[in-house]
Structures are given as C-alpha cells and as structure tokens.
N, C-alpha and C. Protein backbone atom coordinates (compact mmCIF):
# COMPACT_ATOMS: atom_id res chain seq x y z
N MET A 1 11.46 6.13 -10.64
CA MET A 1 11.40 6.15 -12.08
C MET A 1 10.26 5.27 -12.58
N ALA A 2 10.07 4.11 -11.95
CA ALA A 2 9.01 3.20 -12.36
C ALA A 2 7.64 3.85 -12.16
N ILE A 3 7.50 4.59 -11.09
CA ILE A 3 6.22 5.25 -10.81
C ILE A 3 5.91 6.27 -11.90
N GLN A 4 6.90 7.07 -12.28
CA GLN A 4 6.68 8.07 -13.33
C GLN A 4 6.33 7.40 -14.65
N ARG A 5 6.95 6.27 -14.94
CA ARG A 5 6.62 5.55 -16.17
C ARG A 5 5.19 5.03 -16.13
N LEU A 6 4.80 4.48 -14.99
CA LEU A 6 3.43 3.98 -14.86
C LEU A 6 2.41 5.10 -15.00
N LEU A 7 2.69 6.25 -14.42
CA LEU A 7 1.77 7.38 -14.55
C LEU A 7 1.70 7.86 -16.00
N SER A 8 2.82 7.84 -16.67
CA SER A 8 2.83 8.23 -18.09
C SER A 8 2.00 7.25 -18.91
N ILE A 9 2.17 5.96 -18.64
CA ILE A 9 1.37 4.95 -19.35
C ILE A 9 -0.12 5.17 -19.05
N GLY A 10 -0.43 5.43 -17.79
CA GLY A 10 -1.81 5.65 -17.41
C GLY A 10 -2.43 6.86 -18.09
N ASN A 11 -1.63 7.88 -18.30
CA ASN A 11 -2.13 9.11 -18.93
C ASN A 11 -2.21 9.03 -20.44
N HIS A 12 -1.44 8.13 -21.06
CA HIS A 12 -1.35 8.13 -22.52
C HIS A 12 -1.84 6.84 -23.20
N CYS A 13 -2.17 5.83 -22.44
CA CYS A 13 -2.59 4.56 -23.04
C CYS A 13 -3.87 4.06 -22.35
N PRO A 14 -5.02 4.45 -22.85
CA PRO A 14 -6.29 4.10 -22.20
C PRO A 14 -6.49 2.61 -21.90
N PRO A 15 -6.11 1.68 -22.78
CA PRO A 15 -6.34 0.27 -22.44
C PRO A 15 -5.53 -0.20 -21.22
N LEU A 16 -4.35 0.38 -21.02
CA LEU A 16 -3.50 -0.04 -19.90
C LEU A 16 -3.62 0.88 -18.68
N ALA A 17 -4.39 1.95 -18.81
CA ALA A 17 -4.45 2.97 -17.76
C ALA A 17 -4.88 2.44 -16.40
N PRO A 18 -5.97 1.69 -16.28
CA PRO A 18 -6.38 1.25 -14.93
C PRO A 18 -5.30 0.44 -14.21
N GLU A 19 -4.71 -0.50 -14.90
CA GLU A 19 -3.69 -1.33 -14.27
C GLU A 19 -2.43 -0.53 -13.94
N ALA A 20 -2.07 0.39 -14.83
CA ALA A 20 -0.89 1.23 -14.58
C ALA A 20 -1.11 2.11 -13.35
N PHE A 21 -2.28 2.73 -13.25
CA PHE A 21 -2.56 3.57 -12.08
C PHE A 21 -2.61 2.75 -10.79
N LYS A 22 -3.22 1.56 -10.83
CA LYS A 22 -3.28 0.71 -9.64
C LYS A 22 -1.88 0.33 -9.17
N THR A 23 -1.04 -0.05 -10.11
CA THR A 23 0.34 -0.42 -9.76
C THR A 23 1.09 0.77 -9.21
N ALA A 24 0.91 1.94 -9.82
CA ALA A 24 1.57 3.15 -9.33
C ALA A 24 1.10 3.48 -7.92
N ILE A 25 -0.18 3.34 -7.66
CA ILE A 25 -0.71 3.62 -6.31
C ILE A 25 -0.10 2.67 -5.29
N ASN A 26 -0.02 1.40 -5.63
CA ASN A 26 0.60 0.43 -4.70
C ASN A 26 2.06 0.76 -4.42
N LEU A 27 2.78 1.17 -5.44
CA LEU A 27 4.19 1.56 -5.25
C LEU A 27 4.30 2.86 -4.45
N LEU A 28 3.41 3.80 -4.72
CA LEU A 28 3.46 5.09 -4.04
C LEU A 28 3.17 4.96 -2.55
N LYS A 29 2.36 4.00 -2.18
CA LYS A 29 2.05 3.80 -0.76
C LYS A 29 3.27 3.29 0.02
N LYS A 30 4.30 2.87 -0.67
CA LYS A 30 5.54 2.44 -0.02
C LYS A 30 6.54 3.59 0.10
N THR A 31 6.16 4.77 -0.44
CA THR A 31 7.04 5.94 -0.40
C THR A 31 6.42 6.99 0.52
N LEU A 32 6.99 8.19 0.49
CA LEU A 32 6.47 9.31 1.27
C LEU A 32 5.90 10.40 0.37
N ASP A 33 5.63 10.06 -0.88
CA ASP A 33 5.19 11.06 -1.86
C ASP A 33 3.66 11.16 -1.90
N VAL A 34 3.12 12.02 -1.04
CA VAL A 34 1.67 12.18 -0.93
C VAL A 34 1.10 12.86 -2.16
N THR A 35 1.80 13.83 -2.70
CA THR A 35 1.31 14.58 -3.86
C THR A 35 1.12 13.68 -5.08
N THR A 36 2.11 12.89 -5.39
CA THR A 36 2.03 12.00 -6.55
C THR A 36 0.97 10.93 -6.32
N TYR A 37 0.82 10.49 -5.07
CA TYR A 37 -0.23 9.53 -4.75
C TYR A 37 -1.60 10.11 -5.10
N GLY A 38 -1.81 11.36 -4.73
CA GLY A 38 -3.07 12.02 -5.05
C GLY A 38 -3.31 12.10 -6.55
N GLU A 39 -2.25 12.39 -7.30
CA GLU A 39 -2.37 12.45 -8.76
C GLU A 39 -2.73 11.08 -9.34
N ALA A 40 -2.12 10.03 -8.81
CA ALA A 40 -2.39 8.68 -9.31
C ALA A 40 -3.83 8.26 -9.01
N VAL A 41 -4.31 8.58 -7.82
CA VAL A 41 -5.68 8.24 -7.46
C VAL A 41 -6.66 9.03 -8.34
N LYS A 42 -6.36 10.28 -8.58
CA LYS A 42 -7.21 11.11 -9.45
C LYS A 42 -7.25 10.52 -10.87
N GLY A 43 -6.07 10.11 -11.37
CA GLY A 43 -6.02 9.50 -12.70
C GLY A 43 -6.83 8.22 -12.77
N LEU A 44 -6.73 7.39 -11.72
CA LEU A 44 -7.50 6.15 -11.69
C LEU A 44 -8.99 6.45 -11.60
N ALA A 45 -9.35 7.46 -10.82
CA ALA A 45 -10.77 7.83 -10.70
C ALA A 45 -11.34 8.28 -12.04
N ASN A 46 -10.50 8.89 -12.88
CA ASN A 46 -10.97 9.32 -14.20
C ASN A 46 -11.22 8.15 -15.14
N VAL A 47 -10.38 7.10 -15.06
CA VAL A 47 -10.52 5.99 -16.00
C VAL A 47 -11.34 4.83 -15.44
N ALA A 48 -11.37 4.68 -14.11
CA ALA A 48 -12.13 3.59 -13.49
C ALA A 48 -12.73 4.09 -12.17
N PRO A 49 -13.79 4.90 -12.25
CA PRO A 49 -14.34 5.53 -11.04
C PRO A 49 -14.89 4.54 -10.01
N ASN A 50 -15.24 3.33 -10.41
CA ASN A 50 -15.80 2.35 -9.48
C ASN A 50 -14.75 1.48 -8.80
N ASP A 51 -13.49 1.66 -9.15
CA ASP A 51 -12.41 0.87 -8.55
C ASP A 51 -12.22 1.27 -7.09
N ALA A 52 -11.90 0.28 -6.26
CA ALA A 52 -11.70 0.53 -4.82
C ALA A 52 -10.51 1.45 -4.56
N ASN A 53 -9.51 1.41 -5.41
CA ASN A 53 -8.31 2.26 -5.24
C ASN A 53 -8.52 3.68 -5.74
N ALA A 54 -9.70 3.98 -6.31
CA ALA A 54 -9.95 5.31 -6.88
C ALA A 54 -10.37 6.32 -5.82
N VAL A 55 -10.27 5.94 -4.55
CA VAL A 55 -10.62 6.82 -3.44
C VAL A 55 -9.36 7.06 -2.61
N LEU A 56 -9.14 8.34 -2.23
CA LEU A 56 -7.96 8.67 -1.43
C LEU A 56 -8.00 7.97 -0.08
N ASP A 57 -6.88 7.44 0.33
CA ASP A 57 -6.73 6.82 1.64
C ASP A 57 -6.30 7.93 2.61
N GLU A 58 -7.28 8.58 3.23
CA GLU A 58 -7.01 9.74 4.09
C GLU A 58 -6.11 9.39 5.27
N ASP A 59 -6.28 8.19 5.83
CA ASP A 59 -5.44 7.79 6.97
C ASP A 59 -3.98 7.71 6.55
N TRP A 60 -3.73 7.10 5.39
CA TRP A 60 -2.35 6.98 4.90
C TRP A 60 -1.77 8.37 4.63
N ILE A 61 -2.58 9.25 4.02
CA ILE A 61 -2.11 10.60 3.72
C ILE A 61 -1.75 11.34 4.99
N GLU A 62 -2.62 11.24 6.01
CA GLU A 62 -2.37 11.93 7.27
C GLU A 62 -1.12 11.39 7.97
N GLN A 63 -1.02 10.09 8.03
CA GLN A 63 0.14 9.46 8.70
C GLN A 63 1.44 9.78 7.95
N THR A 64 1.42 9.70 6.63
CA THR A 64 2.61 9.96 5.83
C THR A 64 3.00 11.43 5.91
N SER A 65 2.02 12.31 5.87
CA SER A 65 2.31 13.75 5.98
C SER A 65 2.95 14.06 7.32
N LYS A 66 2.46 13.42 8.36
CA LYS A 66 3.05 13.62 9.70
C LYS A 66 4.49 13.13 9.73
N THR A 67 4.73 11.97 9.14
CA THR A 67 6.08 11.41 9.09
C THR A 67 7.02 12.35 8.32
N VAL A 68 6.55 12.86 7.20
CA VAL A 68 7.36 13.78 6.38
C VAL A 68 7.66 15.05 7.17
N ARG A 69 6.65 15.59 7.85
CA ARG A 69 6.83 16.81 8.63
C ARG A 69 7.86 16.60 9.74
N LEU A 70 7.78 15.47 10.44
CA LEU A 70 8.73 15.18 11.52
C LEU A 70 10.15 15.00 10.99
N LYS A 71 10.28 14.29 9.87
CA LYS A 71 11.62 14.10 9.27
C LYS A 71 12.19 15.44 8.81
N THR A 72 11.35 16.28 8.23
CA THR A 72 11.81 17.59 7.77
C THR A 72 12.29 18.43 8.94
N GLU A 73 11.52 18.45 10.02
CA GLU A 73 11.93 19.21 11.20
C GLU A 73 13.25 18.70 11.77
N LYS A 74 13.39 17.38 11.81
CA LYS A 74 14.63 16.79 12.34
C LYS A 74 15.82 17.17 11.46
N LEU A 75 15.66 17.06 10.14
CA LEU A 75 16.75 17.40 9.23
C LEU A 75 17.11 18.89 9.28
N GLU A 76 16.09 19.73 9.42
CA GLU A 76 16.36 21.17 9.53
C GLU A 76 17.12 21.49 10.80
N ALA A 77 16.77 20.81 11.90
CA ALA A 77 17.49 21.02 13.17
C ALA A 77 18.94 20.55 13.04
N GLU A 78 19.15 19.41 12.39
CA GLU A 78 20.51 18.91 12.19
C GLU A 78 21.32 19.86 11.32
N LEU A 79 20.69 20.40 10.27
CA LEU A 79 21.38 21.34 9.39
C LEU A 79 21.76 22.61 10.15
N LYS A 80 20.85 23.11 10.96
CA LYS A 80 21.13 24.32 11.75
C LYS A 80 22.30 24.07 12.70
N SER A 81 22.28 22.92 13.35
CA SER A 81 23.37 22.56 14.26
C SER A 81 24.70 22.45 13.51
N TYR A 82 24.66 21.82 12.35
CA TYR A 82 25.87 21.66 11.54
C TYR A 82 26.42 23.01 11.12
N LYS A 83 25.54 23.92 10.69
CA LYS A 83 25.98 25.26 10.29
C LYS A 83 26.63 25.98 11.46
N ASN A 84 26.01 25.91 12.63
CA ASN A 84 26.58 26.57 13.81
C ASN A 84 27.95 26.00 14.16
N ASN A 85 28.08 24.69 14.09
CA ASN A 85 29.38 24.06 14.38
C ASN A 85 30.43 24.45 13.36
N MET A 86 30.04 24.56 12.10
CA MET A 86 31.00 24.96 11.07
C MET A 86 31.45 26.41 11.27
N ILE A 87 30.54 27.28 11.67
CA ILE A 87 30.91 28.67 11.94
C ILE A 87 31.88 28.73 13.10
N LYS A 88 31.60 28.00 14.16
CA LYS A 88 32.50 27.99 15.32
C LYS A 88 33.87 27.44 14.93
N GLU A 89 33.89 26.37 14.17
CA GLU A 89 35.17 25.79 13.75
C GLU A 89 35.94 26.76 12.86
N SER A 90 35.25 27.45 11.98
CA SER A 90 35.89 28.44 11.11
C SER A 90 36.52 29.55 11.94
N ILE A 91 35.83 30.00 12.96
CA ILE A 91 36.39 31.05 13.84
C ILE A 91 37.62 30.52 14.56
N ARG A 92 37.57 29.29 15.05
CA ARG A 92 38.74 28.70 15.74
C ARG A 92 39.95 28.62 14.81
N VAL A 93 39.71 28.20 13.59
CA VAL A 93 40.80 28.07 12.63
C VAL A 93 41.40 29.45 12.34
N CYS A 94 40.56 30.45 12.16
CA CYS A 94 41.07 31.80 11.89
C CYS A 94 41.87 32.34 13.07
N ILE A 95 41.38 32.14 14.27
CA ILE A 95 42.10 32.62 15.46
C ILE A 95 43.43 31.89 15.59
N ARG A 96 43.43 30.61 15.37
CA ARG A 96 44.67 29.82 15.46
C ARG A 96 45.67 30.30 14.41
N HIS A 97 45.17 30.54 13.20
CA HIS A 97 46.04 31.01 12.12
C HIS A 97 46.63 32.38 12.49
N LEU A 98 45.81 33.27 13.01
CA LEU A 98 46.30 34.60 13.42
C LEU A 98 47.32 34.47 14.54
N PHE A 99 47.10 33.57 15.47
CA PHE A 99 48.03 33.38 16.57
C PHE A 99 49.38 32.89 16.05
N ILE A 100 49.37 31.97 15.10
CA ILE A 100 50.60 31.43 14.54
C ILE A 100 51.34 32.51 13.74
N VAL A 101 50.62 33.30 12.98
CA VAL A 101 51.22 34.33 12.16
C VAL A 101 51.84 35.44 13.03
N CYS A 102 51.17 35.78 14.11
CA CYS A 102 51.63 36.87 14.98
C CYS A 102 52.79 36.47 15.87
N THR A 103 53.05 35.21 16.08
CA THR A 103 54.14 34.82 16.99
C THR A 103 55.42 34.54 16.25
C-alpha cells in the first residue's frame, strides 16, 4: 500500500516526485514486483533523468524474475499434487459410502 501511495505522489506532485519515486524504488527492491519497479524507475527517469536510480537494475530484474518463476513452478506443482490427492480421496469416500449403503 505504501508503494502505491508513493507512486501516486510521484505522479501527481512534481515537487515531491523525485523523493517519492526513490523511496518507492527502494521499497520495491525488497519485493518481487518487477513490473511496478520498472514503472517507478520510468517515473523517476521522467522527473530526474540524471539520478542514479533512474536506470533499471538489470541484474536485480533478472534475479527476481528467476525467483518468481521458480516459486510459481513450485506452487503450480504443489497445487497439481493437491488436486490429484483430493480427487483420490473423493473417490475413496464415494466407494466407502457405497460399500456402507450396499451392506
């Protein structure tokens, strides 16, 4: 929420824009949000093109994107496994219920 507020300040208040964008960039580098980081750097480049933070940190973007991709793959694998286990359990419950009803 703080990042979105800082970006809003940067976009709507020219006197505070450079500092707001710098703070947002520092906060964004602690997250996994590469897209918003790019937007913040672009905003800073528009208001303070000579600032050191007005250039994309390609290493951070690459490393963070890799981390996000790996986490996504892991979560998708866990979800697939969970779905398969739930289907199997549902079948067991149905068979058990049918066995109880038929006896």
